[in-house]
C-alpha cells in the first residue's frame, strides 16, 4: 500500500497535472543511472555526479529502484530511467505501472494526510 500523503511538494505525491506535463512539455530529459535505495533515499548518477534524493514513500522508491535497475540491465535499449527537468520528475519508461518519483533534493519534509 502506498502512502496516503496529499502533499504535492518535492519529496511527496505527484500531481496529475505535473505527471501529464512530463509527457507534453518534458524540458530537458536527463539520463540517470540508479545506483541504490536506502529507505526514503534514492541514489543515482546523472551528469557524472552522484545524487541522493528523498521521497516520503520507501515502498514506491523500492518499486522505482527495482524497475530502473531491471531496465538498466537490458542491453541495446533506448529506454532509460530519466529526470524530466521541466517538472522535476524521475521516470522509468516502458510497460508496467511504475509511478514517477517527485524527489526532494533538500531532504525530508512532513506529510499531509487529509482528514487526520
Protein backbone atom coordinates (compact mmCIF):
# COMPACT_ATOMS: atom_id res chain seq x y z
CA UNK A 1 0.00 0.00 0.00
CA UNK A 2 1.38 3.36 -0.99
CA UNK A 3 1.47 6.40 1.22
CA UNK A 4 -1.76 8.35 1.79
CA UNK A 5 0.03 11.69 1.73
CA UNK A 6 -1.78 14.52 -0.06
CA UNK A 7 1.19 16.89 -0.04
CA UNK A 8 2.38 17.87 -3.55
CA UNK A 9 5.69 19.45 -2.56
CA UNK A 10 9.01 17.89 -3.65
CA UNK A 11 9.50 14.51 -1.98
CA UNK A 12 5.78 13.79 -1.84
CA UNK A 13 2.87 12.95 -4.16
CA UNK A 14 2.92 13.62 -7.91
CA UNK A 15 0.00 15.78 -9.02
CA UNK A 16 -1.82 14.54 -12.14
CA UNK A 17 -1.15 17.84 -13.96
CA UNK A 18 2.56 17.54 -13.20
CA UNK A 19 2.58 13.94 -14.47
CA UNK A 20 0.83 14.96 -17.70
CA UNK A 21 3.22 17.86 -18.30
CA UNK A 22 6.16 15.47 -18.03
CA UNK A 23 4.99 13.98 -21.35
CA UNK A 24 3.70 17.16 -23.03
CA UNK A 25 6.50 19.56 -22.01
CA UNK A 26 9.30 17.48 -20.50
CA UNK A 27 12.03 20.09 -20.78
CA UNK A 28 15.48 18.58 -20.89
CA UNK A 29 15.37 14.83 -20.34
CA UNK A 30 18.49 13.70 -18.48
CA UNK A 31 19.50 10.06 -18.32
CA UNK A 32 20.11 8.72 -14.84
CA UNK A 33 21.74 5.52 -13.61
CA UNK A 34 20.11 4.27 -10.44
CA UNK A 35 22.75 3.02 -8.01
CA UNK A 36 20.78 2.18 -4.88
CA UNK A 37 17.94 2.82 -2.49
CA UNK A 38 18.12 3.12 1.29
CA UNK A 39 14.74 3.62 2.93
CA UNK A 40 13.49 7.05 1.89
CA UNK A 41 16.63 7.80 -0.15
CA UNK A 42 17.38 7.08 -3.82
CA UNK A 43 20.95 7.27 -5.06
CA UNK A 44 21.71 7.79 -8.74
CA UNK A 45 24.31 9.12 -11.15
CA UNK A 46 23.47 11.97 -13.51
CA UNK A 47 25.83 14.22 -15.43
CA UNK A 48 28.82 12.34 -13.98
CA UNK A 49 27.79 13.26 -10.41
CA UNK A 50 26.24 11.16 -7.64
CA UNK A 51 22.90 12.46 -6.33
CA UNK A 52 20.89 11.46 -3.27
CA UNK A 53 17.22 12.45 -3.16
CA UNK A 54 14.46 11.87 -0.60
CA UNK A 55 10.87 10.67 -1.04
CA UNK A 56 8.21 10.08 1.61
CA UNK A 57 7.28 6.60 0.35
CA UNK A 58 10.03 3.97 0.68
CA UNK A 59 7.82 1.30 -0.94
CA UNK A 60 7.33 3.43 -4.04
CA UNK A 61 11.07 4.19 -4.09
CA UNK A 62 11.83 0.44 -3.93
CA UNK A 63 9.49 -0.22 -6.89
CA UNK A 64 11.13 2.60 -8.83
CA UNK A 65 14.63 1.36 -7.94
CA UNK A 66 13.87 -2.23 -8.93
CA UNK A 67 12.26 -1.24 -12.25
CA UNK A 68 15.16 1.10 -13.07
CA UNK A 69 17.83 -1.50 -12.26
CA UNK A 70 15.97 -4.10 -14.34
CA UNK A 71 15.77 -1.68 -17.29
CA UNK A 72 19.43 -0.72 -16.94
CA UNK A 73 20.39 -4.41 -17.28
CA UNK A 74 18.84 -4.62 -20.76
CA UNK A 75 21.43 -4.15 -23.48
CA UNK A 76 20.76 -2.10 -26.61
CA UNK A 77 17.61 -0.36 -25.43
CA UNK A 78 16.67 3.25 -25.99
CA UNK A 79 14.58 3.26 -22.81
CA UNK A 80 16.46 4.59 -19.78
CA UNK A 81 15.49 5.96 -16.38
CA UNK A 82 15.41 9.75 -16.66
CA UNK A 83 14.82 13.09 -14.95
CA UNK A 84 12.26 15.29 -16.72
CA UNK A 85 13.62 18.70 -15.81
CA UNK A 86 10.56 20.88 -16.52
CA UNK A 87 8.55 19.17 -13.78
CA UNK A 88 11.36 17.61 -11.69
CA UNK A 89 10.08 14.04 -12.08
CA UNK A 90 12.08 10.83 -12.21
CA UNK A 91 10.56 8.28 -14.60
CA UNK A 92 11.20 4.70 -15.66
CA UNK A 93 9.79 4.30 -19.19
CA UNK A 94 8.24 1.16 -20.60
CA UNK A 95 5.42 -1.21 -19.71
CA UNK A 96 4.24 -1.65 -16.17
CA UNK A 97 2.82 0.58 -13.52
CA UNK A 98 5.93 2.28 -12.15
CA UNK A 99 4.86 5.59 -10.69
CA UNK A 100 7.09 8.61 -11.31
CA UNK A 101 9.00 9.96 -8.33
CA UNK A 102 8.90 13.61 -7.29
CA UNK A 103 12.24 13.84 -5.48
CA UNK A 104 13.26 16.26 -2.80
CA UNK A 105 16.82 17.41 -3.34
CA UNK A 106 16.71 19.13 0.08
CA UNK A 107 15.83 16.15 2.27
CA UNK A 108 12.80 15.22 4.37
CA UNK A 109 9.66 17.23 4.96
CA UNK A 110 6.39 16.34 6.66
CA UNK A 111 3.47 14.57 5.03
CA UNK A 112 -0.07 15.94 4.92
CA UNK A 113 -2.88 13.41 5.43
CA UNK A 114 -6.33 14.71 4.55
CA UNK A 115 -8.92 14.06 7.24
CA UNK A 116 -6.44 13.42 10.05
